Amino acid sequence: MLTELDGRCAICASTLMDMAHPFNCLTFNLQRATRRLMRGFEAAAKDSGLTAPQFTTLSLMAGYGQASVTQIADKMGTDRTTMTRNLDVLARKGWIAEVAAEDGRLHVWTLTDAGQERLRIALPAWRAFQAGLIDKMGNDTAEALLKTLGRL
């Protein structure tokens, strides 16, 4: 039976600062943290009906006004195919709508009134969740983390 040691199992303790050990894989640890954060946000914002990626997409679109699939995918750090599928879900829910573009080849999207309402409902939960994370890690650490993630 493994015991906990500072949030890690005892078997992991011997590898704590060994960056060459698979337990310290940055990708794995970022993925695990992301899953935990997403579950936490979604629990906090359950009244909004939004998943964490949907909240992020709608927030991004609120800032753009109108944006093409490529613009949204680039900002979200995903590929166009995945973004198109995700936007189709948001459109079926009535939270975004496609608008005519000057270049007929482009698919341009905008937030609908229903999408703005989803964000209005979710924003207080996001603010509280964000504040809780910052309280937990400290403002300096939160800022350093954002800076570090921005370099990746």
Protein backbone atom coordinates (compact mmCIF):
# COMPACT_ATOMS: atom_id res chain seq x y z
CA MET A 1 0.00 0.00 0.00
CA LEU A 2 1.33 3.43 -0.96
CA THR A 3 1.08 6.31 1.47
CA GLU A 4 0.70 9.99 0.68
CA LEU A 5 3.69 12.25 1.13
CA ASP A 6 3.06 15.93 0.47
CA GLY A 7 0.41 15.15 -2.15
CA ARG A 8 2.52 12.48 -3.84
CA CYS A 9 2.70 8.77 -3.21
CA ALA A 10 5.66 7.42 -1.25
CA ILE A 11 7.08 5.72 -4.35
CA CYS A 12 7.17 9.14 -6.04
CA ALA A 13 9.10 10.78 -3.19
CA SER A 14 12.41 9.37 -4.35
CA THR A 15 11.89 10.93 -7.78
CA LEU A 16 10.73 14.34 -6.54
CA MET A 17 13.37 16.46 -8.25
CA ASP A 18 14.59 13.97 -10.84
CA MET A 19 13.38 15.74 -14.01
CA ALA A 20 14.42 12.73 -16.10
CA HIS A 21 11.97 10.45 -14.25
CA PRO A 22 8.64 9.76 -16.02
CA PHE A 23 6.66 10.78 -12.90
CA ASN A 24 7.96 14.29 -13.51
CA CYS A 25 6.85 14.45 -17.14
CA LEU A 26 5.78 18.06 -17.66
CA THR A 27 3.17 17.12 -20.25
CA PHE A 28 1.55 14.54 -17.98
CA ASN A 29 1.53 16.86 -14.98
CA LEU A 30 0.09 19.76 -17.00
CA GLN A 31 -2.60 17.47 -18.43
CA ARG A 32 -3.49 16.18 -14.97
CA ALA A 33 -3.65 19.70 -13.55
CA THR A 34 -5.76 20.83 -16.51
CA ARG A 35 -8.26 18.01 -16.00
CA ARG A 36 -8.56 18.86 -12.30
CA LEU A 37 -8.99 22.56 -13.02
CA MET A 38 -11.58 21.92 -15.71
CA ARG A 39 -13.60 19.64 -13.41
CA GLY A 40 -13.39 22.24 -10.64
CA PHE A 41 -14.51 25.08 -12.88
CA GLU A 42 -17.34 23.04 -14.39
CA ALA A 43 -18.61 22.14 -10.91
CA ALA A 44 -18.44 25.80 -9.87
CA ALA A 45 -20.18 26.99 -13.04
CA LYS A 46 -22.71 24.16 -13.41
CA ASP A 47 -25.63 26.62 -13.46
CA SER A 48 -24.26 28.10 -16.69
CA GLY A 49 -24.36 24.77 -18.54
CA LEU A 50 -20.94 25.49 -20.01
CA THR A 51 -17.92 23.25 -20.09
CA ALA A 52 -14.55 24.87 -19.45
CA PRO A 53 -13.60 24.88 -23.17
CA GLN A 54 -17.00 26.33 -24.09
CA PHE A 55 -16.57 29.10 -21.52
CA THR A 56 -13.14 29.91 -22.89
CA THR A 57 -14.39 29.92 -26.48
CA LEU A 58 -17.37 32.16 -25.71
CA SER A 59 -15.16 34.51 -23.66
CA LEU A 60 -12.69 34.74 -26.51
CA MET A 61 -15.45 35.39 -29.01
CA ALA A 62 -16.97 38.09 -26.79
CA GLY A 63 -13.66 39.92 -27.06
CA TYR A 64 -13.45 39.56 -30.84
CA GLY A 65 -16.99 40.49 -31.81
CA GLN A 66 -16.72 38.46 -35.01
CA ALA A 67 -13.99 35.95 -35.72
CA SER A 68 -13.12 33.32 -38.29
CA VAL A 69 -12.59 29.67 -37.41
CA THR A 70 -8.87 30.14 -38.05
CA GLN A 71 -8.64 33.13 -35.71
CA ILE A 72 -10.48 31.31 -32.93
CA ALA A 73 -8.49 28.09 -33.42
CA ASP A 74 -5.19 30.00 -33.32
CA LYS A 75 -6.11 31.78 -30.09
CA MET A 76 -7.40 28.54 -28.52
CA GLY A 77 -4.27 26.64 -29.56
CA THR A 78 -6.17 23.99 -31.48
CA ASP A 79 -6.57 22.91 -35.09
CA ARG A 80 -9.28 24.15 -37.45
CA THR A 81 -11.02 20.77 -37.67
CA THR A 82 -11.43 20.46 -33.90
CA MET A 83 -12.47 24.10 -33.62
CA THR A 84 -15.07 23.68 -36.37
CA ARG A 85 -16.61 20.73 -34.49
CA ASN A 86 -16.61 22.70 -31.23
CA LEU A 87 -18.16 25.75 -32.87
CA ASP A 88 -20.86 23.58 -34.46
CA VAL A 89 -21.87 22.40 -30.96
CA LEU A 90 -22.07 26.00 -29.73
CA ALA A 91 -24.11 26.96 -32.81
CA ARG A 92 -26.57 24.07 -32.26
CA LYS A 93 -27.08 25.33 -28.71
CA GLY A 94 -27.78 28.80 -30.12
CA TRP A 95 -24.85 30.44 -28.34
CA ILE A 96 -23.04 31.53 -31.52
CA ALA A 97 -24.14 32.18 -35.08
CA GLU A 98 -22.38 32.23 -38.41
CA VAL A 99 -22.35 35.60 -40.14
CA ALA A 100 -21.71 36.49 -43.76
CA ALA A 101 -18.08 37.26 -44.52
CA GLU A 102 -16.71 39.43 -47.30
CA ASP A 103 -14.59 36.47 -48.35
CA GLY A 104 -17.15 33.75 -49.01
CA ARG A 105 -14.58 31.06 -48.24
CA LEU A 106 -14.35 32.14 -44.60
CA HIS A 107 -16.64 30.95 -41.85
CA VAL A 108 -17.10 33.85 -39.45
CA TRP A 109 -18.85 33.49 -36.12
CA THR A 110 -20.33 35.86 -33.57
CA LEU A 111 -21.78 35.48 -30.11
CA THR A 112 -25.59 35.49 -29.91
CA ASP A 113 -27.68 37.03 -27.16
CA ALA A 114 -28.08 33.52 -25.73
CA GLY A 115 -24.29 33.10 -25.75
CA GLN A 116 -23.84 36.42 -23.99
CA GLU A 117 -26.38 35.27 -21.38
CA ARG A 118 -24.40 32.04 -20.84
CA LEU A 119 -21.30 34.13 -20.20
CA ARG A 120 -23.21 36.47 -17.88
CA ILE A 121 -24.26 33.44 -15.80
CA ALA A 122 -20.79 31.83 -15.85
CA LEU A 123 -18.60 34.89 -15.19
CA PRO A 124 -19.27 35.19 -11.44
CA ALA A 125 -18.46 31.48 -11.00
CA TRP A 126 -15.29 31.88 -13.06
CA ARG A 127 -14.24 34.96 -11.07
CA ALA A 128 -14.75 33.13 -7.77
CA PHE A 129 -12.94 30.03 -9.05
CA GLN A 130 -10.05 32.13 -10.38
CA ALA A 131 -9.80 34.06 -7.10
CA GLY A 132 -9.72 30.77 -5.19
CA LEU A 133 -6.86 29.48 -7.32
CA ILE A 134 -4.91 32.70 -6.86
CA ASP A 135 -5.51 32.58 -3.10
CA LYS A 136 -4.29 28.98 -3.04
CA MET A 137 -1.06 29.59 -4.97
CA GLY A 138 -0.43 33.27 -4.30
CA ASN A 139 -0.54 36.13 -6.77
CA ASP A 140 3.19 36.05 -7.55
CA THR A 141 3.07 32.34 -8.35
CA ALA A 142 -0.07 32.79 -10.47
CA GLU A 143 1.58 35.57 -12.47
CA ALA A 144 4.77 33.53 -12.89
CA LEU A 145 2.71 30.53 -14.04
CA LEU A 146 0.91 32.63 -16.66
CA LYS A 147 4.22 33.99 -17.86
CA THR A 148 5.73 30.50 -18.05
CA LEU A 149 2.70 29.05 -19.86
CA GLY A 150 2.83 31.94 -22.32
CA ARG A 151 6.31 30.85 -23.35
CA LEU A 152 5.20 27.32 -24.20
